[in-house]
């Protein structure tokens, strides 16, 4: 029996537009998009943040501004992320239907600033998941590190074989399987609905 269903956020519960986010941040700061990509997203800096490198959101933003000699405020950072994050009603409906059958939570590769501001970034997701809307930084590792799956199921006191993980990244799915969880490689709301039914979880067809 599945006791916990863990959802990725980006490109599962929502559509994430990275290019739009970069453009909005570039407009807000004057930093070139190529530099944002190279020094922030592709350098390992954000990977470390997603693994818990910063104690809290303020430390994340301070470090981000130090990286670029910038003065971006929290609202500017949140606005760019929010505008680039569009909820998927069909998948959110599936998650909502699961609440009466099992526990649900999210696990997205993101840092502590995202964790602290998630209700402003993704209010539709928080409306379904409440305080169980988590980023990986909250658990001190990032997907596909086995530790992050172990830490989140440990938080719930759930055995690995009683947890189901859902992600659009095959690498992250493989990491969950290595940690002993059941896992589904997300491609659409319809295939997710059918996969859930195989675990005895009944949700309406999208």
N, C-alpha and C. Protein backbone atom coordinates (compact mmCIF):
# COMPACT_ATOMS: atom_id res chain seq x y z
N UNK A 1 0.85 -1.19 0.00
CA UNK A 1 0.00 0.00 0.00
C UNK A 1 0.89 1.25 0.00
N UNK A 2 0.54 2.21 -0.82
CA UNK A 2 1.28 3.46 -0.89
C UNK A 2 0.79 4.40 0.21
N UNK A 3 1.74 4.86 1.03
CA UNK A 3 1.42 5.76 2.14
C UNK A 3 1.83 7.21 1.87
N UNK A 4 2.67 7.41 0.85
CA UNK A 4 3.16 8.75 0.55
C UNK A 4 3.42 8.87 -0.95
N UNK A 5 2.86 9.89 -1.58
CA UNK A 5 3.14 10.18 -2.99
C UNK A 5 3.89 11.51 -3.05
N UNK A 6 5.07 11.48 -3.67
CA UNK A 6 5.97 12.63 -3.73
C UNK A 6 5.99 13.15 -5.17
N UNK A 7 5.58 14.39 -5.35
CA UNK A 7 5.52 15.01 -6.68
C UNK A 7 6.68 15.98 -6.89
N UNK A 8 7.34 15.88 -8.03
CA UNK A 8 8.17 16.98 -8.50
C UNK A 8 7.24 18.15 -8.83
N UNK A 9 7.80 19.36 -8.89
CA UNK A 9 6.99 20.52 -9.26
C UNK A 9 7.20 20.93 -10.71
N UNK A 10 8.41 21.35 -11.06
CA UNK A 10 8.65 21.90 -12.40
C UNK A 10 8.44 20.85 -13.48
N UNK A 11 7.55 21.15 -14.42
CA UNK A 11 7.20 20.29 -15.54
C UNK A 11 6.48 19.01 -15.12
N UNK A 12 5.92 19.04 -13.91
CA UNK A 12 4.96 18.02 -13.47
C UNK A 12 3.70 18.74 -13.00
N UNK A 13 3.79 19.42 -11.86
CA UNK A 13 2.65 20.18 -11.34
C UNK A 13 2.50 21.53 -12.03
N UNK A 14 3.55 21.95 -12.71
CA UNK A 14 3.50 23.23 -13.43
C UNK A 14 4.37 23.14 -14.66
N UNK A 15 4.22 24.12 -15.52
CA UNK A 15 5.12 24.30 -16.66
C UNK A 15 6.10 25.41 -16.30
N UNK A 16 7.38 25.10 -16.39
CA UNK A 16 8.43 26.05 -16.00
C UNK A 16 9.11 26.59 -17.25
N UNK A 17 9.13 27.93 -17.38
CA UNK A 17 9.72 28.60 -18.53
C UNK A 17 11.03 29.26 -18.09
N UNK A 18 12.11 28.51 -18.20
CA UNK A 18 13.42 29.00 -17.76
C UNK A 18 13.85 30.25 -18.54
N UNK A 19 13.59 30.26 -19.85
CA UNK A 19 13.99 31.40 -20.67
C UNK A 19 13.29 32.68 -20.22
N UNK A 20 12.02 32.59 -19.90
CA UNK A 20 11.28 33.75 -19.42
C UNK A 20 11.84 34.23 -18.09
N UNK A 21 12.13 33.31 -17.20
CA UNK A 21 12.70 33.69 -15.90
C UNK A 21 14.01 34.45 -16.08
N UNK A 22 14.87 33.94 -16.93
CA UNK A 22 16.15 34.60 -17.17
C UNK A 22 15.96 35.99 -17.78
N UNK A 23 15.02 36.09 -18.70
CA UNK A 23 14.77 37.40 -19.32
C UNK A 23 14.29 38.41 -18.29
N UNK A 24 13.37 37.99 -17.42
CA UNK A 24 12.85 38.90 -16.40
C UNK A 24 13.93 39.30 -15.40
N UNK A 25 14.77 38.37 -15.02
CA UNK A 25 15.87 38.70 -14.10
C UNK A 25 16.87 39.63 -14.77
N UNK A 26 17.13 39.40 -16.04
CA UNK A 26 18.04 40.27 -16.77
C UNK A 26 17.49 41.69 -16.85
N UNK A 27 16.19 41.80 -17.11
CA UNK A 27 15.57 43.12 -17.17
C UNK A 27 15.59 43.82 -15.82
N UNK A 28 15.44 43.05 -14.74
CA UNK A 28 15.40 43.64 -13.40
C UNK A 28 16.77 44.07 -12.89
N UNK A 29 17.82 43.40 -13.37
CA UNK A 29 19.16 43.63 -12.81
C UNK A 29 20.16 44.24 -13.78
N UNK A 30 19.88 44.14 -15.08
CA UNK A 30 20.86 44.57 -16.07
C UNK A 30 21.95 43.56 -16.34
N UNK A 31 21.84 42.38 -15.75
CA UNK A 31 22.83 41.32 -15.96
C UNK A 31 22.47 40.57 -17.24
N UNK A 32 23.45 40.34 -18.10
CA UNK A 32 23.20 39.64 -19.36
C UNK A 32 22.69 38.23 -19.11
N UNK A 33 21.78 37.78 -19.96
CA UNK A 33 21.22 36.43 -19.82
C UNK A 33 22.31 35.37 -19.87
N UNK A 34 23.25 35.51 -20.77
CA UNK A 34 24.34 34.53 -20.87
C UNK A 34 25.11 34.43 -19.57
N UNK A 35 25.33 35.57 -18.93
CA UNK A 35 26.07 35.55 -17.66
C UNK A 35 25.24 34.90 -16.56
N UNK A 36 23.95 35.17 -16.52
CA UNK A 36 23.08 34.51 -15.55
C UNK A 36 23.14 33.00 -15.71
N UNK A 37 23.08 32.55 -16.94
CA UNK A 37 23.14 31.11 -17.20
C UNK A 37 24.49 30.53 -16.79
N UNK A 38 25.57 31.18 -17.23
CA UNK A 38 26.91 30.63 -17.01
C UNK A 38 27.32 30.66 -15.54
N UNK A 39 27.07 31.78 -14.86
CA UNK A 39 27.59 31.96 -13.51
C UNK A 39 26.65 31.47 -12.42
N UNK A 40 25.38 31.33 -12.77
CA UNK A 40 24.38 30.94 -11.76
C UNK A 40 23.87 29.52 -12.01
N UNK A 41 23.19 29.32 -13.12
CA UNK A 41 22.49 28.06 -13.33
C UNK A 41 23.39 26.94 -13.82
N UNK A 42 24.43 27.25 -14.57
CA UNK A 42 25.26 26.20 -15.17
C UNK A 42 26.60 26.01 -14.48
N UNK A 43 26.87 26.78 -13.44
CA UNK A 43 28.20 26.75 -12.81
C UNK A 43 28.31 25.79 -11.64
N UNK A 44 27.17 25.27 -11.17
CA UNK A 44 27.15 24.48 -9.95
C UNK A 44 26.69 25.28 -8.74
N UNK A 45 26.60 26.61 -8.90
CA UNK A 45 26.15 27.46 -7.78
C UNK A 45 24.73 27.09 -7.36
N UNK A 46 23.82 27.01 -8.32
CA UNK A 46 22.43 26.70 -7.99
C UNK A 46 22.29 25.26 -7.52
N UNK A 47 23.08 24.35 -8.08
CA UNK A 47 23.05 22.97 -7.61
C UNK A 47 23.36 22.91 -6.12
N UNK A 48 24.38 23.66 -5.70
CA UNK A 48 24.75 23.68 -4.28
C UNK A 48 23.63 24.28 -3.43
N UNK A 49 22.99 25.33 -3.95
CA UNK A 49 21.87 25.93 -3.24
C UNK A 49 20.73 24.94 -3.07
N UNK A 50 20.46 24.18 -4.11
CA UNK A 50 19.38 23.18 -4.07
C UNK A 50 19.69 22.06 -3.09
N UNK A 51 20.98 21.86 -2.81
CA UNK A 51 21.40 20.83 -1.86
C UNK A 51 21.51 21.37 -0.44
N UNK A 52 21.11 22.63 -0.23
CA UNK A 52 21.06 23.17 1.12
C UNK A 52 22.24 24.02 1.52
N UNK A 53 22.93 24.63 0.56
CA UNK A 53 24.13 25.42 0.88
C UNK A 53 23.83 26.66 1.72
N UNK A 54 22.60 27.14 1.67
CA UNK A 54 22.25 28.37 2.39
C UNK A 54 21.28 28.07 3.53
N UNK A 55 21.53 28.69 4.66
CA UNK A 55 20.72 28.42 5.85
C UNK A 55 19.28 28.84 5.68
N UNK A 56 19.06 29.92 4.95
CA UNK A 56 17.71 30.44 4.78
C UNK A 56 17.63 31.27 3.50
N UNK A 57 16.44 31.81 3.25
CA UNK A 57 16.25 32.57 2.02
C UNK A 57 17.08 33.84 1.96
N UNK A 58 17.24 34.51 3.09
CA UNK A 58 18.05 35.73 3.11
C UNK A 58 19.49 35.44 2.75
N UNK A 59 20.02 34.33 3.26
CA UNK A 59 21.40 33.95 2.94
C UNK A 59 21.54 33.62 1.45
N UNK A 60 20.52 32.96 0.89
CA UNK A 60 20.53 32.67 -0.55
C UNK A 60 20.59 33.96 -1.35
N UNK A 61 19.70 34.91 -1.04
CA UNK A 61 19.63 36.14 -1.83
C UNK A 61 20.90 36.98 -1.65
N UNK A 62 21.43 37.01 -0.44
CA UNK A 62 22.69 37.73 -0.22
C UNK A 62 23.81 37.15 -1.07
N UNK A 63 23.88 35.82 -1.10
CA UNK A 63 24.94 35.16 -1.88
C UNK A 63 24.72 35.39 -3.38
N UNK A 64 23.47 35.37 -3.81
CA UNK A 64 23.15 35.62 -5.23
C UNK A 64 23.58 37.03 -5.62
N UNK A 65 23.27 37.99 -4.78
CA UNK A 65 23.66 39.37 -5.07
C UNK A 65 25.17 39.56 -5.02
N UNK A 66 25.84 38.84 -4.14
CA UNK A 66 27.30 38.91 -4.09
C UNK A 66 27.91 38.33 -5.36
N UNK A 67 27.31 37.27 -5.87
CA UNK A 67 27.80 36.63 -7.09
C UNK A 67 27.82 37.61 -8.26
N UNK A 68 26.80 38.45 -8.32
CA UNK A 68 26.65 39.35 -9.47
C UNK A 68 26.88 40.83 -9.14
N UNK A 69 27.31 41.13 -7.90
CA UNK A 69 27.43 42.53 -7.48
C UNK A 69 26.13 43.27 -7.77
N UNK A 70 25.02 42.63 -7.38
CA UNK A 70 23.67 43.09 -7.70
C UNK A 70 22.96 43.53 -6.43
N UNK A 71 21.80 44.17 -6.60
CA UNK A 71 20.98 44.57 -5.46
C UNK A 71 19.54 44.09 -5.63
N UNK A 72 19.36 42.96 -6.28
CA UNK A 72 18.01 42.40 -6.49
C UNK A 72 17.34 42.15 -5.14
N UNK A 73 16.08 42.58 -5.01
CA UNK A 73 15.37 42.32 -3.77
C UNK A 73 14.53 41.05 -3.90
N UNK A 74 13.97 40.63 -2.78
CA UNK A 74 13.22 39.37 -2.77
C UNK A 74 12.03 39.42 -3.73
N UNK A 75 11.33 40.53 -3.78
CA UNK A 75 10.15 40.63 -4.65
C UNK A 75 10.54 40.48 -6.11
N UNK A 76 11.67 41.05 -6.50
CA UNK A 76 12.12 40.90 -7.88
C UNK A 76 12.46 39.47 -8.23
N UNK A 77 13.10 38.78 -7.29
CA UNK A 77 13.45 37.37 -7.51
C UNK A 77 12.18 36.52 -7.60
N UNK A 78 11.27 36.76 -6.66
CA UNK A 78 10.02 35.98 -6.64
C UNK A 78 9.19 36.25 -7.89
N UNK A 79 9.11 37.49 -8.30
CA UNK A 79 8.29 37.83 -9.47
C UNK A 79 8.77 37.06 -10.70
N UNK A 80 10.07 37.04 -10.93
CA UNK A 80 10.59 36.33 -12.10
C UNK A 80 10.26 34.85 -12.04
N UNK A 81 10.39 34.25 -10.84
CA UNK A 81 10.08 32.82 -10.71
C UNK A 81 8.59 32.56 -10.87
N UNK A 82 7.77 33.42 -10.29
CA UNK A 82 6.32 33.24 -10.37
C UNK A 82 5.83 33.35 -11.80
N UNK A 83 6.29 34.35 -12.53
CA UNK A 83 5.85 34.54 -13.90
C UNK A 83 6.27 33.39 -14.80
N UNK A 84 7.35 32.71 -14.44
CA UNK A 84 7.86 31.60 -15.25
C UNK A 84 7.29 30.25 -14.83
N UNK A 85 6.35 30.25 -13.88
CA UNK A 85 5.83 29.02 -13.30
C UNK A 85 4.32 29.00 -13.45
N UNK A 86 3.81 28.17 -14.37
CA UNK A 86 2.38 28.12 -14.66
C UNK A 86 1.80 26.77 -14.23
N UNK A 87 0.82 26.77 -13.33
CA UNK A 87 0.27 25.51 -12.83
C UNK A 87 -0.39 24.69 -13.93
N UNK A 88 -0.34 23.38 -13.77
CA UNK A 88 -1.03 22.46 -14.68
C UNK A 88 -2.29 21.97 -13.97
N UNK A 89 -3.46 22.48 -14.32
CA UNK A 89 -4.68 22.13 -13.59
C UNK A 89 -4.98 20.64 -13.57
N UNK A 90 -4.67 19.93 -14.66
CA UNK A 90 -4.98 18.50 -14.72
C UNK A 90 -4.18 17.72 -13.69
N UNK A 91 -2.90 18.02 -13.56
CA UNK A 91 -2.07 17.29 -12.60
C UNK A 91 -2.40 17.71 -11.18
N UNK A 92 -2.66 18.98 -10.97
CA UNK A 92 -3.07 19.43 -9.64
C UNK A 92 -4.38 18.78 -9.21
N UNK A 93 -5.27 18.57 -10.15
CA UNK A 93 -6.53 17.89 -9.84
C UNK A 93 -6.28 16.45 -9.39
N UNK A 94 -5.33 15.79 -10.03
CA UNK A 94 -4.96 14.44 -9.63
C UNK A 94 -4.40 14.44 -8.22
N UNK A 95 -3.49 15.37 -7.95
CA UNK A 95 -2.90 15.45 -6.60
C UNK A 95 -3.97 15.72 -5.56
N UNK A 96 -4.89 16.60 -5.87
CA UNK A 96 -5.96 16.93 -4.93
C UNK A 96 -6.82 15.71 -4.63
N UNK A 97 -7.08 14.90 -5.66
CA UNK A 97 -7.90 13.70 -5.47
C UNK A 97 -7.20 12.66 -4.60
N UNK A 98 -5.88 12.71 -4.55
CA UNK A 98 -5.14 11.74 -3.75
C UNK A 98 -5.20 12.04 -2.26
N UNK A 99 -5.53 13.26 -1.90
CA UNK A 99 -5.43 13.67 -0.50
C UNK A 99 -6.31 12.86 0.43
N UNK A 100 -7.41 12.34 -0.09
CA UNK A 100 -8.31 11.54 0.74
C UNK A 100 -7.86 10.08 0.84
N UNK A 101 -6.80 9.71 0.08
CA UNK A 101 -6.36 8.32 0.03
C UNK A 101 -4.98 8.09 0.64
N UNK A 102 -4.14 9.11 0.63
CA UNK A 102 -2.76 8.95 1.09
C UNK A 102 -2.17 10.32 1.37
N UNK A 103 -0.99 10.35 1.95
CA UNK A 103 -0.30 11.62 2.14
C UNK A 103 0.39 12.01 0.83
N UNK A 104 0.47 13.32 0.60
CA UNK A 104 1.15 13.83 -0.58
C UNK A 104 2.10 14.95 -0.18
N UNK A 105 3.15 15.12 -0.96
CA UNK A 105 4.08 16.23 -0.74
C UNK A 105 4.78 16.52 -2.06
N UNK A 106 5.53 17.61 -2.09
CA UNK A 106 6.35 17.91 -3.26
C UNK A 106 7.83 17.81 -2.89
N UNK A 107 8.65 17.61 -3.91
CA UNK A 107 10.10 17.62 -3.75
C UNK A 107 10.69 18.17 -5.05
N UNK A 108 11.05 19.44 -5.03
CA UNK A 108 11.58 20.11 -6.22
C UNK A 108 13.01 20.55 -5.97
N UNK A 109 13.87 20.38 -6.96
CA UNK A 109 15.25 20.86 -6.86
C UNK A 109 15.26 22.38 -6.86
N UNK A 110 15.23 22.96 -5.67
CA UNK A 110 15.26 24.41 -5.50
C UNK A 110 15.83 24.74 -4.13
N UNK A 111 16.22 26.00 -3.96
CA UNK A 111 16.91 26.43 -2.75
C UNK A 111 15.98 26.95 -1.66
N UNK A 112 16.60 27.51 -0.61
CA UNK A 112 15.84 27.95 0.56
C UNK A 112 14.99 29.19 0.29
N UNK A 113 15.41 30.07 -0.62
CA UNK A 113 14.56 31.22 -0.92
C UNK A 113 13.27 30.76 -1.57
N UNK A 114 13.36 29.81 -2.47
CA UNK A 114 12.16 29.24 -3.09
C UNK A 114 11.29 28.58 -2.02
N UNK A 115 11.91 27.84 -1.10
CA UNK A 115 11.14 27.19 -0.04
C UNK A 115 10.35 28.21 0.77
N UNK A 116 10.99 29.28 1.17
CA UNK A 116 10.34 30.26 2.02
C UNK A 116 9.28 31.08 1.28
N UNK A 117 9.40 31.19 -0.03
CA UNK A 117 8.49 32.02 -0.82
C UNK A 117 7.55 31.20 -1.68
N UNK A 118 7.46 29.90 -1.44
CA UNK A 118 6.73 29.02 -2.36
C UNK A 118 5.25 29.39 -2.45
N UNK A 119 4.66 29.90 -1.38
CA UNK A 119 3.25 30.28 -1.44
C UNK A 119 3.02 31.47 -2.36
N UNK A 120 4.03 32.31 -2.53
CA UNK A 120 3.93 33.46 -3.45
C UNK A 120 4.28 33.06 -4.87
N UNK A 121 5.15 32.07 -5.01
CA UNK A 121 5.55 31.61 -6.34
C UNK A 121 4.47 30.72 -6.95
N UNK A 122 3.95 29.80 -6.15
CA UNK A 122 3.03 28.77 -6.65
C UNK A 122 1.82 28.63 -5.73
N UNK A 123 0.96 29.65 -5.63
CA UNK A 123 -0.18 29.55 -4.71
C UNK A 123 -1.12 28.40 -5.03
N UNK A 124 -1.28 28.05 -6.30
CA UNK A 124 -2.15 26.94 -6.66
C UNK A 124 -1.61 25.61 -6.12
N UNK A 125 -0.30 25.47 -6.12
CA UNK A 125 0.31 24.25 -5.60
C UNK A 125 0.18 24.20 -4.08
N UNK A 126 0.42 25.31 -3.41
CA UNK A 126 0.30 25.35 -1.96
C UNK A 126 -1.15 25.13 -1.53
N UNK A 127 -2.11 25.54 -2.35
CA UNK A 127 -3.52 25.31 -2.04
C UNK A 127 -3.83 23.82 -1.93
N UNK A 128 -3.11 23.00 -2.67
CA UNK A 128 -3.30 21.55 -2.62
C UNK A 128 -2.39 20.90 -1.59
N UNK A 129 -1.13 21.30 -1.55
CA UNK A 129 -0.14 20.60 -0.72
C UNK A 129 0.09 21.25 0.65
N UNK A 130 -0.33 22.49 0.82
CA UNK A 130 -0.16 23.15 2.10
C UNK A 130 1.30 23.20 2.54
N UNK A 131 1.55 22.87 3.80
CA UNK A 131 2.91 22.92 4.35
C UNK A 131 3.78 21.77 3.85
N UNK A 132 3.23 20.89 3.04
CA UNK A 132 3.99 19.77 2.48
C UNK A 132 4.55 20.10 1.10
N UNK A 133 4.63 21.38 0.76
CA UNK A 133 5.27 21.82 -0.49
C UNK A 133 6.73 22.09 -0.18
N UNK A 134 7.60 21.14 -0.52
CA UNK A 134 9.00 21.18 -0.12
C UNK A 134 9.94 21.35 -1.30
N UNK A 135 11.05 22.04 -1.04
CA UNK A 135 12.19 22.03 -1.95
C UNK A 135 13.25 21.10 -1.38
N UNK A 136 14.18 20.70 -2.23
CA UNK A 136 15.23 19.78 -1.79
C UNK A 136 16.14 20.41 -0.74
N UNK A 137 16.35 21.72 -0.81
CA UNK A 137 17.22 22.38 0.18
C UNK A 137 16.75 22.11 1.60
N UNK A 138 15.46 21.96 1.78
CA UNK A 138 14.89 21.65 3.09
C UNK A 138 15.42 20.34 3.65
N UNK A 139 15.87 19.45 2.75
CA UNK A 139 16.31 18.11 3.17
C UNK A 139 17.80 17.88 2.94
N UNK A 140 18.55 18.94 2.61
CA UNK A 140 20.00 18.87 2.62
C UNK A 140 20.67 18.11 1.51
N UNK A 141 19.97 17.86 0.43
CA UNK A 141 20.55 17.18 -0.74
C UNK A 141 19.62 17.46 -1.91
N UNK A 142 20.10 17.18 -3.13
CA UNK A 142 19.27 17.42 -4.31
C UNK A 142 19.13 16.13 -5.10
N UNK A 143 18.03 16.03 -5.81
CA UNK A 143 17.83 14.88 -6.70
C UNK A 143 18.89 14.90 -7.80
N UNK A 144 19.46 13.76 -8.17
CA UNK A 144 19.08 12.38 -7.82
C UNK A 144 19.89 11.76 -6.68
N UNK A 145 20.49 12.55 -5.79
CA UNK A 145 21.22 12.02 -4.64
C UNK A 145 20.28 11.16 -3.79
N UNK A 146 20.68 9.94 -3.52
CA UNK A 146 19.85 9.03 -2.74
C UNK A 146 19.45 9.64 -1.40
N UNK A 147 20.33 10.46 -0.84
CA UNK A 147 20.08 11.01 0.49
C UNK A 147 18.79 11.83 0.55
N UNK A 148 18.46 12.55 -0.52
CA UNK A 148 17.28 13.41 -0.44
C UNK A 148 16.00 12.59 -0.38
N UNK A 149 15.96 11.46 -1.05
CA UNK A 149 14.79 10.59 -0.97
C UNK A 149 14.70 9.96 0.42
N UNK A 150 15.84 9.53 0.94
CA UNK A 150 15.86 8.95 2.28
C UNK A 150 15.43 9.98 3.32
N UNK A 151 15.87 11.21 3.14
CA UNK A 151 15.54 12.24 4.13
C UNK A 151 14.06 12.60 4.12
N UNK A 152 13.45 12.65 2.94
CA UNK A 152 12.04 13.04 2.92
C UNK A 152 11.15 11.91 3.42
N UNK A 153 11.45 10.68 3.08
CA UNK A 153 10.61 9.61 3.62
C UNK A 153 10.86 9.45 5.12
N UNK A 154 12.09 9.75 5.56
CA UNK A 154 12.37 9.74 7.00
C UNK A 154 11.57 10.80 7.73
N UNK A 155 11.39 11.94 7.11
CA UNK A 155 10.57 13.02 7.68
C UNK A 155 9.16 12.53 7.96
N UNK A 156 8.65 11.68 7.08
CA UNK A 156 7.29 11.17 7.23
C UNK A 156 7.23 9.83 7.96
N UNK A 157 8.37 9.23 8.23
CA UNK A 157 8.38 7.92 8.86
C UNK A 157 7.81 6.84 7.96
N UNK A 158 8.05 6.98 6.66
CA UNK A 158 7.49 6.06 5.67
C UNK A 158 8.58 5.13 5.14
N UNK A 159 8.29 3.85 5.04
CA UNK A 159 9.23 2.90 4.47
C UNK A 159 9.38 3.17 2.97
N UNK A 160 10.57 2.93 2.41
CA UNK A 160 10.76 3.21 0.97
C UNK A 160 9.74 2.54 0.07
N UNK A 161 9.38 1.30 0.39
CA UNK A 161 8.47 0.58 -0.50
C UNK A 161 7.01 0.98 -0.30
N UNK A 162 6.78 1.96 0.57
CA UNK A 162 5.43 2.51 0.74
C UNK A 162 5.33 3.93 0.17
N UNK A 163 6.38 4.34 -0.55
CA UNK A 163 6.40 5.69 -1.13
C UNK A 163 6.48 5.61 -2.65
N UNK A 164 5.79 6.52 -3.31
CA UNK A 164 5.80 6.62 -4.77
C UNK A 164 6.29 8.01 -5.15
N UNK A 165 7.30 8.06 -6.01
CA UNK A 165 7.91 9.31 -6.44
C UNK A 165 7.58 9.56 -7.90
N UNK A 166 7.24 10.81 -8.24
CA UNK A 166 6.84 11.19 -9.60
C UNK A 166 7.71 12.34 -10.07
N UNK A 167 8.35 12.18 -11.24
CA UNK A 167 9.26 13.22 -11.74
C UNK A 167 9.33 13.12 -13.26
N UNK A 168 9.56 14.26 -13.92
CA UNK A 168 9.72 14.24 -15.38
C UNK A 168 11.14 13.89 -15.80
N UNK A 169 12.09 13.85 -14.86
CA UNK A 169 13.48 13.52 -15.16
C UNK A 169 13.75 12.05 -14.89
N UNK A 170 14.21 11.33 -15.91
CA UNK A 170 14.52 9.91 -15.72
C UNK A 170 15.65 9.73 -14.70
N UNK A 171 16.62 10.65 -14.69
CA UNK A 171 17.71 10.57 -13.71
C UNK A 171 17.17 10.63 -12.28
N UNK A 172 16.22 11.50 -12.06
CA UNK A 172 15.65 11.62 -10.72
C UNK A 172 14.81 10.41 -10.36
N UNK A 173 14.11 9.87 -11.34
CA UNK A 173 13.35 8.64 -11.14
C UNK A 173 14.29 7.50 -10.78
N UNK A 174 15.40 7.39 -11.51
CA UNK A 174 16.37 6.33 -11.23
C UNK A 174 16.95 6.48 -9.82
N UNK A 175 17.18 7.72 -9.38
CA UNK A 175 17.69 7.94 -8.03
C UNK A 175 16.71 7.45 -6.98
N UNK A 176 15.42 7.71 -7.20
CA UNK A 176 14.41 7.25 -6.26
C UNK A 176 14.36 5.73 -6.20
N UNK A 177 14.48 5.10 -7.35
CA UNK A 177 14.47 3.63 -7.40
C UNK A 177 15.67 3.07 -6.65
N UNK A 178 16.84 3.69 -6.82
CA UNK A 178 18.03 3.25 -6.08
C UNK A 178 17.83 3.38 -4.57
N UNK A 179 17.02 4.36 -4.16
CA UNK A 179 16.73 4.55 -2.74
C UNK A 179 15.65 3.61 -2.24
N UNK A 180 15.08 2.81 -3.14
CA UNK A 180 14.09 1.81 -2.74
C UNK A 180 12.65 2.24 -2.89
N UNK A 181 12.41 3.44 -3.44
CA UNK A 181 11.05 3.91 -3.63
C UNK A 181 10.47 3.36 -4.93
N UNK A 182 9.17 3.32 -5.01
CA UNK A 182 8.51 3.16 -6.30
C UNK A 182 8.61 4.51 -7.03
N UNK A 183 8.63 4.48 -8.35
CA UNK A 183 8.78 5.74 -9.08
C UNK A 183 8.08 5.67 -10.42
N UNK A 184 7.60 6.83 -10.85
CA UNK A 184 6.93 6.97 -12.15
C UNK A 184 7.57 8.11 -12.92
N UNK A 185 7.98 7.83 -14.17
CA UNK A 185 8.52 8.87 -15.04
C UNK A 185 7.36 9.61 -15.69
N UNK A 186 7.15 10.85 -15.28
CA UNK A 186 5.99 11.62 -15.73
C UNK A 186 6.15 12.07 -17.17
N UNK A 187 5.11 11.83 -17.96
CA UNK A 187 5.05 12.37 -19.32
C UNK A 187 3.74 13.11 -19.59
N UNK A 188 2.67 12.72 -18.90
CA UNK A 188 1.38 13.39 -19.09
C UNK A 188 0.46 13.05 -17.93
N UNK A 189 -0.59 13.86 -17.77
CA UNK A 189 -1.57 13.60 -16.73
C UNK A 189 -2.26 12.25 -16.94
N UNK A 190 -2.52 11.91 -18.20
CA UNK A 190 -3.19 10.65 -18.49
C UNK A 190 -2.38 9.44 -18.10
N UNK A 191 -1.09 9.43 -18.44
CA UNK A 191 -0.25 8.29 -18.07
C UNK A 191 -0.06 8.24 -16.56
N UNK A 192 -0.03 9.39 -15.90
CA UNK A 192 0.08 9.40 -14.44
C UNK A 192 -1.16 8.78 -13.81
N UNK A 193 -2.32 9.14 -14.31
CA UNK A 193 -3.56 8.58 -13.77
C UNK A 193 -3.58 7.07 -13.88
N UNK A 194 -3.11 6.55 -15.01
CA UNK A 194 -3.08 5.10 -15.19
C UNK A 194 -2.04 4.45 -14.29
N UNK A 195 -0.90 5.11 -14.11
CA UNK A 195 0.13 4.56 -13.23
C UNK A 195 -0.36 4.50 -11.79
N UNK A 196 -1.05 5.54 -11.35
CA UNK A 196 -1.56 5.55 -9.98
C UNK A 196 -2.56 4.42 -9.75
N UNK A 197 -3.36 4.13 -10.76
CA UNK A 197 -4.35 3.06 -10.61
C UNK A 197 -3.69 1.71 -10.38
N UNK A 198 -2.48 1.53 -10.91
CA UNK A 198 -1.75 0.28 -10.69
C UNK A 198 -1.30 0.12 -9.25
N UNK A 199 -1.26 1.24 -8.52
CA UNK A 199 -0.92 1.19 -7.10
C UNK A 199 -2.16 1.26 -6.21
N UNK A 200 -3.32 1.08 -6.80
CA UNK A 200 -4.56 1.09 -6.04
C UNK A 200 -5.05 2.47 -5.66
N UNK A 201 -4.55 3.50 -6.35
CA UNK A 201 -4.95 4.88 -6.08
C UNK A 201 -5.88 5.34 -7.19
N UNK A 202 -7.09 5.70 -6.82
CA UNK A 202 -8.12 6.04 -7.80
C UNK A 202 -8.26 7.55 -7.93
N UNK A 203 -8.02 8.05 -9.14
CA UNK A 203 -8.20 9.49 -9.41
C UNK A 203 -8.97 9.63 -10.71
N UNK A 204 -9.70 10.72 -10.88
CA UNK A 204 -10.47 10.90 -12.12
C UNK A 204 -9.54 11.08 -13.31
N UNK A 205 -9.98 10.62 -14.46
CA UNK A 205 -9.20 10.82 -15.68
C UNK A 205 -9.15 12.30 -16.00
N UNK A 206 -7.99 12.81 -16.43
CA UNK A 206 -7.87 14.24 -16.75
C UNK A 206 -8.66 14.61 -18.00
